[in-house]
């Protein structure tokens, strides 16, 4: 998403399907207002993940705590990149909510289950968003983040005592 954060707005369209022309270096890139809406939807789920990791890390120890701390930093990077792309396209990035319903995890097993579910929601939102986005560079950046979320799921599965990759075609709910 680094390319998105460096974009400058050149002109705005009026409807959700009217492209906005953005300039990145010598290149003009079209981003629709629909793209901004999609990115904000993804950003909302990233904010939820940030809240989940922030709330869950104090209940973790050892390697799961270290991994969750690293993943929190990555989710913050994802949210920053999404916000930059949204702002670069002339949109307004959704702020985090004041509160999130994360359930009531009481121990490490509950936290790992909550984080796994949150990562599953991230995978779902990225899979839904990628084919709907207009610029190819944006789809590529989103696919890169999607791959990172898949890595998170594998590590969280291992921390839960499950096989990190039990088959060649793993679904989020496995």
N, C-alpha and C. Protein backbone atom coordinates (compact mmCIF):
# COMPACT_ATOMS: atom_id res chain seq x y z
N UNK A 1 0.82 -1.19 0.00
CA UNK A 1 0.00 0.00 0.00
C UNK A 1 0.87 1.25 0.00
N UNK A 2 2.19 1.07 -0.02
CA UNK A 2 3.07 2.23 0.00
C UNK A 2 2.79 3.16 -1.15
N UNK A 3 2.46 2.61 -2.31
CA UNK A 3 2.17 3.45 -3.46
C UNK A 3 0.95 4.31 -3.22
N UNK A 4 -0.04 3.77 -2.53
CA UNK A 4 -1.26 4.52 -2.27
C UNK A 4 -1.04 5.69 -1.36
N UNK A 5 -0.13 5.57 -0.40
CA UNK A 5 0.06 6.65 0.55
C UNK A 5 0.78 7.85 -0.06
N UNK A 6 1.43 7.65 -1.20
CA UNK A 6 2.16 8.75 -1.83
C UNK A 6 1.34 9.44 -2.91
N UNK A 7 0.11 9.00 -3.10
CA UNK A 7 -0.71 9.58 -4.17
C UNK A 7 -1.21 10.97 -3.81
N UNK A 8 -1.35 11.79 -4.83
CA UNK A 8 -1.91 13.12 -4.65
C UNK A 8 -3.18 13.23 -5.47
N UNK A 9 -4.22 13.81 -4.89
CA UNK A 9 -5.48 13.97 -5.59
C UNK A 9 -5.36 15.03 -6.67
N UNK A 10 -5.77 14.65 -7.89
CA UNK A 10 -5.74 15.61 -8.99
C UNK A 10 -7.13 16.11 -9.33
N UNK A 11 -8.16 15.26 -9.22
CA UNK A 11 -9.53 15.67 -9.51
C UNK A 11 -10.48 14.70 -8.87
N UNK A 12 -11.64 15.18 -8.43
CA UNK A 12 -12.63 14.33 -7.78
C UNK A 12 -13.81 14.11 -8.69
N UNK A 13 -14.39 12.91 -8.63
CA UNK A 13 -15.61 12.62 -9.36
C UNK A 13 -16.81 12.84 -8.48
N UNK A 14 -17.99 12.86 -9.08
CA UNK A 14 -19.19 13.15 -8.31
C UNK A 14 -19.91 11.93 -7.80
N UNK A 15 -19.98 10.84 -8.58
CA UNK A 15 -20.74 9.67 -8.15
C UNK A 15 -19.79 8.59 -7.69
N UNK A 16 -20.37 7.52 -7.12
CA UNK A 16 -19.53 6.45 -6.60
C UNK A 16 -18.81 5.69 -7.70
N UNK A 17 -19.30 5.75 -8.93
CA UNK A 17 -18.62 5.04 -10.00
C UNK A 17 -17.72 5.95 -10.83
N UNK A 18 -17.76 7.25 -10.57
CA UNK A 18 -16.90 8.18 -11.31
C UNK A 18 -15.48 8.05 -10.79
N UNK A 19 -14.51 7.81 -11.68
CA UNK A 19 -13.14 7.67 -11.22
C UNK A 19 -12.56 9.00 -10.73
N UNK A 20 -11.72 8.90 -9.74
CA UNK A 20 -10.95 10.04 -9.28
C UNK A 20 -9.57 9.87 -9.88
N UNK A 21 -9.04 10.90 -10.46
CA UNK A 21 -7.72 10.80 -11.07
C UNK A 21 -6.68 11.18 -10.02
N UNK A 22 -5.74 10.26 -9.83
CA UNK A 22 -4.68 10.46 -8.86
C UNK A 22 -3.35 10.44 -9.60
N UNK A 23 -2.41 11.15 -9.06
CA UNK A 23 -1.09 11.21 -9.68
C UNK A 23 -0.08 10.58 -8.73
N UNK A 24 0.67 9.61 -9.23
CA UNK A 24 1.75 8.98 -8.48
C UNK A 24 2.99 9.06 -9.36
N UNK A 25 3.88 9.95 -9.04
CA UNK A 25 5.04 10.16 -9.90
C UNK A 25 4.58 10.72 -11.22
N UNK A 26 4.91 10.07 -12.31
CA UNK A 26 4.51 10.49 -13.66
C UNK A 26 3.24 9.78 -14.13
N UNK A 27 2.65 8.97 -13.27
CA UNK A 27 1.55 8.11 -13.66
C UNK A 27 0.22 8.64 -13.12
N UNK A 28 -0.82 8.60 -13.95
CA UNK A 28 -2.16 8.93 -13.50
C UNK A 28 -2.89 7.62 -13.26
N UNK A 29 -3.48 7.48 -12.09
CA UNK A 29 -4.16 6.25 -11.70
C UNK A 29 -5.60 6.60 -11.35
N UNK A 30 -6.53 5.79 -11.82
CA UNK A 30 -7.93 6.03 -11.50
C UNK A 30 -8.34 5.17 -10.32
N UNK A 31 -8.94 5.83 -9.33
CA UNK A 31 -9.49 5.15 -8.16
C UNK A 31 -10.91 5.64 -8.02
N UNK A 32 -11.87 4.73 -8.01
CA UNK A 32 -13.27 5.13 -7.86
C UNK A 32 -13.60 5.39 -6.40
N UNK A 33 -14.63 6.18 -6.19
CA UNK A 33 -15.12 6.38 -4.82
C UNK A 33 -15.54 5.04 -4.23
N UNK A 34 -16.01 4.11 -5.07
CA UNK A 34 -16.34 2.76 -4.60
C UNK A 34 -15.11 2.10 -3.98
N UNK A 35 -13.93 2.34 -4.56
CA UNK A 35 -12.69 1.79 -4.01
C UNK A 35 -12.46 2.31 -2.60
N UNK A 36 -12.73 3.59 -2.39
CA UNK A 36 -12.56 4.19 -1.06
C UNK A 36 -13.51 3.52 -0.08
N UNK A 37 -14.74 3.29 -0.49
CA UNK A 37 -15.71 2.62 0.39
C UNK A 37 -15.25 1.21 0.73
N UNK A 38 -14.73 0.50 -0.25
CA UNK A 38 -14.23 -0.87 -0.02
C UNK A 38 -13.06 -0.83 0.96
N UNK A 39 -12.12 0.08 0.74
CA UNK A 39 -10.97 0.19 1.62
C UNK A 39 -11.38 0.54 3.04
N UNK A 40 -12.37 1.40 3.19
CA UNK A 40 -12.86 1.73 4.54
C UNK A 40 -13.50 0.51 5.20
N UNK A 41 -14.18 -0.33 4.44
CA UNK A 41 -14.73 -1.56 5.00
C UNK A 41 -13.64 -2.48 5.52
N UNK A 42 -12.55 -2.59 4.76
CA UNK A 42 -11.41 -3.39 5.18
C UNK A 42 -10.76 -2.75 6.41
N UNK A 43 -10.62 -1.44 6.39
CA UNK A 43 -10.02 -0.73 7.53
C UNK A 43 -10.81 -0.97 8.81
N UNK A 44 -12.13 -1.02 8.71
CA UNK A 44 -12.96 -1.28 9.90
C UNK A 44 -12.59 -2.62 10.53
N UNK A 45 -12.36 -3.64 9.71
CA UNK A 45 -12.00 -4.96 10.25
C UNK A 45 -10.57 -4.94 10.79
N UNK A 46 -9.68 -4.18 10.17
CA UNK A 46 -8.32 -4.03 10.72
C UNK A 46 -8.38 -3.37 12.10
N UNK A 47 -9.24 -2.36 12.25
CA UNK A 47 -9.39 -1.73 13.57
C UNK A 47 -9.86 -2.74 14.61
N UNK A 48 -10.76 -3.64 14.21
CA UNK A 48 -11.23 -4.68 15.12
C UNK A 48 -10.07 -5.59 15.51
N UNK A 49 -9.24 -5.96 14.55
CA UNK A 49 -8.09 -6.82 14.84
C UNK A 49 -7.12 -6.13 15.78
N UNK A 50 -6.88 -4.85 15.57
CA UNK A 50 -5.99 -4.10 16.46
C UNK A 50 -6.54 -4.12 17.88
N UNK A 51 -7.83 -3.91 18.02
CA UNK A 51 -8.46 -3.95 19.34
C UNK A 51 -8.34 -5.34 19.96
N UNK A 52 -8.53 -6.38 19.15
CA UNK A 52 -8.45 -7.76 19.66
C UNK A 52 -7.04 -8.08 20.15
N UNK A 53 -6.03 -7.73 19.38
CA UNK A 53 -4.66 -7.99 19.81
C UNK A 53 -4.31 -7.15 21.05
N UNK A 54 -4.72 -5.91 21.05
CA UNK A 54 -4.43 -5.04 22.20
C UNK A 54 -5.06 -5.60 23.47
N UNK A 55 -6.29 -6.07 23.37
CA UNK A 55 -6.98 -6.63 24.54
C UNK A 55 -6.44 -8.00 24.92
N UNK A 56 -6.03 -8.79 23.94
CA UNK A 56 -5.64 -10.17 24.21
C UNK A 56 -4.22 -10.38 24.66
N UNK A 57 -3.30 -9.56 24.23
CA UNK A 57 -1.88 -9.77 24.54
C UNK A 57 -1.61 -9.89 26.04
N UNK A 58 -2.23 -9.10 26.92
CA UNK A 58 -1.94 -9.26 28.34
C UNK A 58 -2.31 -10.63 28.91
N UNK A 59 -3.17 -11.38 28.25
CA UNK A 59 -3.55 -12.71 28.72
C UNK A 59 -2.70 -13.83 28.12
N UNK A 60 -1.74 -13.45 27.27
CA UNK A 60 -0.86 -14.43 26.64
C UNK A 60 0.51 -14.41 27.29
N UNK A 61 1.25 -15.50 27.09
CA UNK A 61 2.63 -15.55 27.60
C UNK A 61 3.50 -16.28 26.59
N UNK A 62 4.79 -16.16 26.77
CA UNK A 62 5.75 -16.88 25.94
C UNK A 62 5.64 -16.58 24.46
N UNK A 63 5.76 -17.65 23.66
CA UNK A 63 5.76 -17.49 22.20
C UNK A 63 4.45 -16.93 21.66
N UNK A 64 3.29 -17.35 22.17
CA UNK A 64 2.05 -16.73 21.68
C UNK A 64 2.00 -15.22 21.93
N UNK A 65 2.51 -14.78 23.07
CA UNK A 65 2.53 -13.34 23.36
C UNK A 65 3.47 -12.62 22.41
N UNK A 66 4.63 -13.21 22.14
CA UNK A 66 5.59 -12.59 21.23
C UNK A 66 5.00 -12.51 19.81
N UNK A 67 4.36 -13.59 19.37
CA UNK A 67 3.76 -13.59 18.03
C UNK A 67 2.63 -12.56 17.95
N UNK A 68 1.78 -12.53 18.96
CA UNK A 68 0.65 -11.59 18.95
C UNK A 68 1.15 -10.15 18.96
N UNK A 69 2.21 -9.89 19.67
CA UNK A 69 2.78 -8.54 19.70
C UNK A 69 3.30 -8.16 18.31
N UNK A 70 3.96 -9.10 17.65
CA UNK A 70 4.45 -8.85 16.28
C UNK A 70 3.27 -8.64 15.34
N UNK A 71 2.22 -9.45 15.49
CA UNK A 71 1.05 -9.32 14.62
C UNK A 71 0.33 -8.00 14.85
N UNK A 72 0.28 -7.54 16.09
CA UNK A 72 -0.32 -6.24 16.37
C UNK A 72 0.41 -5.15 15.59
N UNK A 73 1.73 -5.19 15.58
CA UNK A 73 2.50 -4.22 14.81
C UNK A 73 2.19 -4.30 13.33
N UNK A 74 2.00 -5.51 12.82
CA UNK A 74 1.67 -5.67 11.41
C UNK A 74 0.27 -5.15 11.11
N UNK A 75 -0.68 -5.41 12.00
CA UNK A 75 -2.04 -4.90 11.79
C UNK A 75 -2.05 -3.37 11.83
N UNK A 76 -1.25 -2.78 12.70
CA UNK A 76 -1.14 -1.32 12.73
C UNK A 76 -0.57 -0.80 11.41
N UNK A 77 0.42 -1.52 10.85
CA UNK A 77 0.98 -1.14 9.55
C UNK A 77 -0.07 -1.25 8.45
N UNK A 78 -0.86 -2.31 8.49
CA UNK A 78 -1.93 -2.47 7.50
C UNK A 78 -2.92 -1.31 7.58
N UNK A 79 -3.33 -0.97 8.81
CA UNK A 79 -4.29 0.12 9.00
C UNK A 79 -3.72 1.46 8.52
N UNK A 80 -2.45 1.68 8.80
CA UNK A 80 -1.80 2.92 8.35
C UNK A 80 -1.76 2.98 6.83
N UNK A 81 -1.43 1.87 6.18
CA UNK A 81 -1.37 1.84 4.72
C UNK A 81 -2.76 2.05 4.11
N UNK A 82 -3.76 1.39 4.68
CA UNK A 82 -5.13 1.56 4.19
C UNK A 82 -5.57 3.02 4.33
N UNK A 83 -5.31 3.60 5.50
CA UNK A 83 -5.68 5.01 5.73
C UNK A 83 -4.98 5.92 4.73
N UNK A 84 -3.71 5.65 4.46
CA UNK A 84 -2.96 6.45 3.50
C UNK A 84 -3.54 6.34 2.10
N UNK A 85 -3.92 5.14 1.69
CA UNK A 85 -4.51 4.96 0.36
C UNK A 85 -5.86 5.67 0.27
N UNK A 86 -6.64 5.58 1.33
CA UNK A 86 -7.95 6.25 1.36
C UNK A 86 -7.78 7.76 1.26
N UNK A 87 -6.88 8.30 2.04
CA UNK A 87 -6.64 9.74 2.02
C UNK A 87 -6.03 10.17 0.69
N UNK A 88 -5.14 9.35 0.14
CA UNK A 88 -4.54 9.65 -1.15
C UNK A 88 -5.56 9.68 -2.27
N UNK A 89 -6.65 8.95 -2.10
CA UNK A 89 -7.73 8.93 -3.09
C UNK A 89 -8.77 10.01 -2.81
N UNK A 90 -8.47 10.89 -1.87
CA UNK A 90 -9.40 11.98 -1.56
C UNK A 90 -10.51 11.60 -0.62
N UNK A 91 -10.41 10.44 0.00
CA UNK A 91 -11.44 9.99 0.93
C UNK A 91 -11.06 10.29 2.37
N UNK A 92 -11.95 9.93 3.24
CA UNK A 92 -11.72 10.09 4.67
C UNK A 92 -11.71 8.71 5.31
N UNK A 93 -10.61 8.36 5.95
CA UNK A 93 -10.47 7.05 6.57
C UNK A 93 -11.35 6.95 7.81
N UNK A 94 -12.05 5.82 7.94
CA UNK A 94 -12.87 5.59 9.13
C UNK A 94 -11.98 5.51 10.36
N UNK A 95 -12.35 6.20 11.43
CA UNK A 95 -11.57 6.09 12.66
C UNK A 95 -11.94 4.81 13.41
N UNK A 96 -11.11 4.38 14.35
CA UNK A 96 -11.48 3.22 15.17
C UNK A 96 -12.72 3.56 16.01
N UNK A 97 -13.49 2.53 16.34
CA UNK A 97 -14.63 2.71 17.22
C UNK A 97 -14.14 2.87 18.65
N UNK A 98 -14.99 3.41 19.50
CA UNK A 98 -14.64 3.57 20.91
C UNK A 98 -14.59 2.22 21.62
N UNK A 99 -15.44 1.27 21.18
CA UNK A 99 -15.51 -0.05 21.82
C UNK A 99 -15.76 -1.11 20.75
N UNK A 100 -15.29 -2.31 21.05
CA UNK A 100 -15.51 -3.46 20.17
C UNK A 100 -16.03 -4.62 21.01
N UNK A 101 -16.96 -5.39 20.45
CA UNK A 101 -17.47 -6.58 21.12
C UNK A 101 -16.54 -7.74 20.77
N UNK A 102 -15.65 -8.04 21.68
CA UNK A 102 -14.66 -9.09 21.46
C UNK A 102 -14.96 -10.34 22.27
N UNK A 103 -16.15 -10.38 22.85
CA UNK A 103 -16.47 -11.48 23.73
C UNK A 103 -15.84 -11.23 25.09
N UNK A 104 -15.61 -12.31 25.83
CA UNK A 104 -15.03 -12.18 27.16
C UNK A 104 -13.95 -13.25 27.36
N UNK A 105 -12.84 -13.12 26.61
CA UNK A 105 -11.79 -14.13 26.76
C UNK A 105 -11.20 -14.08 28.17
N UNK A 106 -11.07 -15.26 28.78
CA UNK A 106 -10.59 -15.33 30.17
C UNK A 106 -9.18 -15.90 30.30
N UNK A 107 -8.77 -16.64 29.29
CA UNK A 107 -7.45 -17.27 29.38
C UNK A 107 -6.81 -17.34 28.00
N UNK A 108 -5.62 -17.92 27.96
CA UNK A 108 -4.87 -17.97 26.71
C UNK A 108 -5.65 -18.69 25.61
N UNK A 109 -6.30 -19.79 25.92
CA UNK A 109 -7.05 -20.53 24.90
C UNK A 109 -8.17 -19.67 24.33
N UNK A 110 -8.87 -18.94 25.19
CA UNK A 110 -9.94 -18.05 24.71
C UNK A 110 -9.39 -16.94 23.82
N UNK A 111 -8.26 -16.38 24.21
CA UNK A 111 -7.66 -15.29 23.43
C UNK A 111 -7.21 -15.80 22.07
N UNK A 112 -6.57 -16.96 22.04
CA UNK A 112 -6.12 -17.52 20.77
C UNK A 112 -7.30 -17.83 19.85
N UNK A 113 -8.39 -18.31 20.42
CA UNK A 113 -9.60 -18.55 19.62
C UNK A 113 -10.16 -17.24 19.08
N UNK A 114 -10.19 -16.19 19.93
CA UNK A 114 -10.68 -14.88 19.50
C UNK A 114 -9.81 -14.31 18.38
N UNK A 115 -8.50 -14.41 18.55
CA UNK A 115 -7.58 -13.88 17.53
C UNK A 115 -7.70 -14.66 16.22
N UNK A 116 -7.88 -15.98 16.33
CA UNK A 116 -8.07 -16.79 15.13
C UNK A 116 -9.34 -16.38 14.39
N UNK A 117 -10.42 -16.16 15.12
CA UNK A 117 -11.67 -15.72 14.50
C UNK A 117 -11.51 -14.35 13.86
N UNK A 118 -10.79 -13.47 14.52
CA UNK A 118 -10.55 -12.13 13.98
C UNK A 118 -9.73 -12.21 12.70
N UNK A 119 -8.70 -13.03 12.69
CA UNK A 119 -7.88 -13.21 11.48
C UNK A 119 -8.73 -13.83 10.37
N UNK A 120 -9.63 -14.73 10.71
CA UNK A 120 -10.53 -15.29 9.71
C UNK A 120 -11.40 -14.22 9.08
N UNK A 121 -11.88 -13.29 9.91
CA UNK A 121 -12.68 -12.17 9.38
C UNK A 121 -11.85 -11.29 8.46
N UNK A 122 -10.58 -11.10 8.80
CA UNK A 122 -9.69 -10.31 7.93
C UNK A 122 -9.50 -11.01 6.58
N UNK A 123 -9.25 -12.30 6.61
CA UNK A 123 -9.09 -13.04 5.35
C UNK A 123 -10.36 -12.89 4.50
N UNK A 124 -11.51 -13.06 5.13
CA UNK A 124 -12.77 -12.94 4.40
C UNK A 124 -12.92 -11.56 3.76
N UNK A 125 -12.62 -10.50 4.51
CA UNK A 125 -12.83 -9.15 3.98
C UNK A 125 -11.84 -8.84 2.85
N UNK A 126 -10.61 -9.32 2.98
CA UNK A 126 -9.64 -9.10 1.89
C UNK A 126 -10.03 -9.90 0.65
N UNK A 127 -10.45 -11.15 0.84
CA UNK A 127 -10.88 -11.96 -0.31
C UNK A 127 -12.06 -11.32 -1.03
N UNK A 128 -12.96 -10.72 -0.28
CA UNK A 128 -14.10 -10.06 -0.87
C UNK A 128 -13.69 -8.77 -1.58
N UNK A 129 -12.76 -8.03 -1.00
CA UNK A 129 -12.39 -6.71 -1.51
C UNK A 129 -11.53 -6.76 -2.77
N UNK A 130 -10.58 -7.67 -2.82
CA UNK A 130 -9.57 -7.66 -3.88
C UNK A 130 -10.16 -7.62 -5.30
N UNK A 131 -11.09 -8.49 -5.65
CA UNK A 131 -11.58 -8.43 -7.04
C UNK A 131 -12.45 -7.21 -7.35
N UNK A 132 -12.88 -6.50 -6.33
CA UNK A 132 -13.75 -5.34 -6.54
C UNK A 132 -12.97 -4.04 -6.75
N UNK A 133 -11.69 -4.04 -6.41
CA UNK A 133 -10.89 -2.82 -6.50
C UNK A 133 -10.45 -2.55 -7.94
N UNK A 134 -10.35 -1.26 -8.28
CA UNK A 134 -10.03 -0.87 -9.65
C UNK A 134 -8.53 -0.97 -9.98
N UNK A 135 -7.66 -0.24 -9.27
CA UNK A 135 -6.26 -0.24 -9.69
C UNK A 135 -5.57 -1.57 -9.39
N UNK A 136 -4.81 -2.05 -10.37
CA UNK A 136 -4.08 -3.30 -10.19
C UNK A 136 -3.09 -3.25 -9.05
N UNK A 137 -2.38 -2.12 -8.88
CA UNK A 137 -1.41 -2.01 -7.80
C UNK A 137 -2.09 -2.16 -6.45
N UNK A 138 -3.32 -1.67 -6.33
CA UNK A 138 -4.05 -1.75 -5.07
C UNK A 138 -4.47 -3.19 -4.80
N UNK A 139 -4.92 -3.90 -5.84
CA UNK A 139 -5.26 -5.32 -5.68
C UNK A 139 -4.02 -6.11 -5.26
N UNK A 140 -2.88 -5.80 -5.85
CA UNK A 140 -1.63 -6.50 -5.50
C UNK A 140 -1.23 -6.23 -4.06
N UNK A 141 -1.33 -4.99 -3.63
CA UNK A 141 -0.99 -4.66 -2.24
C UNK A 141 -1.93 -5.36 -1.27
N UNK A 142 -3.21 -5.40 -1.61
CA UNK A 142 -4.19 -6.06 -0.75
C UNK A 142 -3.92 -7.57 -0.71
N UNK A 143 -3.51 -8.17 -1.83
CA UNK A 143 -3.19 -9.59 -1.85
C UNK A 143 -1.98 -9.88 -0.97
N UNK A 144 -1.03 -8.97 -0.93
CA UNK A 144 0.13 -9.12 -0.06
C UNK A 144 -0.29 -9.14 1.41
N UNK A 145 -1.20 -8.24 1.76
CA UNK A 145 -1.70 -8.21 3.14
C UNK A 145 -2.49 -9.48 3.43
N UNK A 146 -3.29 -9.94 2.48
CA UNK A 146 -4.05 -11.18 2.64
C UNK A 146 -3.11 -12.34 2.97
N UNK A 147 -1.99 -12.44 2.25
CA UNK A 147 -1.02 -13.50 2.51
C UNK A 147 -0.48 -13.40 3.93
N UNK A 148 -0.24 -12.18 4.39
CA UNK A 148 0.25 -11.97 5.75
C UNK A 148 -0.79 -12.44 6.77
N UNK A 149 -2.06 -12.16 6.51
CA UNK A 149 -3.12 -12.61 7.43
C UNK A 149 -3.17 -14.13 7.46
N UNK A 150 -2.92 -14.79 6.32
CA UNK A 150 -2.85 -16.25 6.29
C UNK A 150 -1.71 -16.77 7.15
N UNK A 151 -0.58 -16.06 7.14
CA UNK A 151 0.53 -16.45 8.01
C UNK A 151 0.12 -16.36 9.47
N UNK A 152 -0.60 -15.30 9.81
CA UNK A 152 -1.06 -15.14 11.19
C UNK A 152 -1.92 -16.33 11.61
N UNK A 153 -2.84 -16.73 10.71
CA UNK A 153 -3.72 -17.86 11.03
C UNK A 153 -2.90 -19.13 11.28
N UNK A 154 -1.88 -19.38 10.46
CA UNK A 154 -1.05 -20.57 10.65
C UNK A 154 -0.35 -20.57 12.00
N UNK A 155 0.21 -19.44 12.37
CA UNK A 155 0.91 -19.35 13.66
C UNK A 155 -0.08 -19.50 14.81
N UNK A 156 -1.25 -18.88 14.70
CA UNK A 156 -2.25 -19.01 15.76
C UNK A 156 -2.77 -20.44 15.86
N UNK A 157 -2.92 -21.12 14.72
CA UNK A 157 -3.32 -22.53 14.75
C UNK A 157 -2.27 -23.35 15.51
N UNK A 158 -1.01 -23.12 15.22
CA UNK A 158 0.06 -23.86 15.90
C UNK A 158 0.04 -23.58 17.40
N UNK A 159 -0.20 -22.34 17.78
CA UNK A 159 -0.25 -21.98 19.20
C UNK A 159 -1.43 -22.65 19.90
N UNK A 160 -2.47 -22.99 19.13
CA UNK A 160 -3.64 -23.68 19.69
C UNK A 160 -3.47 -25.20 19.66
N UNK A 161 -2.30 -25.67 19.23
CA UNK A 161 -2.04 -27.10 19.18
C UNK A 161 -2.58 -27.77 17.94
N UNK A 162 -2.95 -26.98 16.93
CA UNK A 162 -3.46 -27.50 15.67
C UNK A 162 -2.36 -27.48 14.63
N UNK A 163 -2.52 -28.28 13.60
CA UNK A 163 -1.56 -28.25 12.51
C UNK A 163 -1.64 -26.88 11.82
N UNK A 164 -0.51 -26.22 11.60
CA UNK A 164 -0.56 -24.89 10.99
C UNK A 164 -1.08 -24.90 9.56
N UNK A 165 -0.88 -26.00 8.84
CA UNK A 165 -1.36 -26.11 7.46
C UNK A 165 -1.74 -27.57 7.21
N UNK A 166 -2.92 -27.99 7.68
CA UNK A 166 -3.28 -29.40 7.61
C UNK A 166 -3.58 -29.93 6.22
N UNK A 167 -3.81 -29.04 5.26
CA UNK A 167 -4.07 -29.51 3.90
C UNK A 167 -3.66 -28.43 2.90
N UNK A 168 -3.63 -28.82 1.65
CA UNK A 168 -3.26 -27.88 0.60
C UNK A 168 -4.35 -26.84 0.35
N UNK A 169 -5.57 -27.11 0.81
CA UNK A 169 -6.69 -26.20 0.60
C UNK A 169 -7.37 -25.93 1.92
N UNK A 170 -6.71 -25.20 2.77
CA UNK A 170 -7.20 -24.87 4.09
C UNK A 170 -8.24 -23.78 4.03
N UNK A 171 -9.33 -23.96 4.74
CA UNK A 171 -10.32 -22.90 4.85
C UNK A 171 -10.10 -22.19 6.18
N UNK A 172 -10.64 -21.02 6.31
CA UNK A 172 -10.46 -20.21 7.51
C UNK A 172 -11.02 -20.92 8.73
N UNK A 173 -12.09 -21.67 8.58
CA UNK A 173 -12.75 -22.30 9.71
C UNK A 173 -12.15 -23.62 10.15
N UNK A 174 -11.10 -24.09 9.50
CA UNK A 174 -10.49 -25.38 9.87
C UNK A 174 -9.63 -25.22 11.08
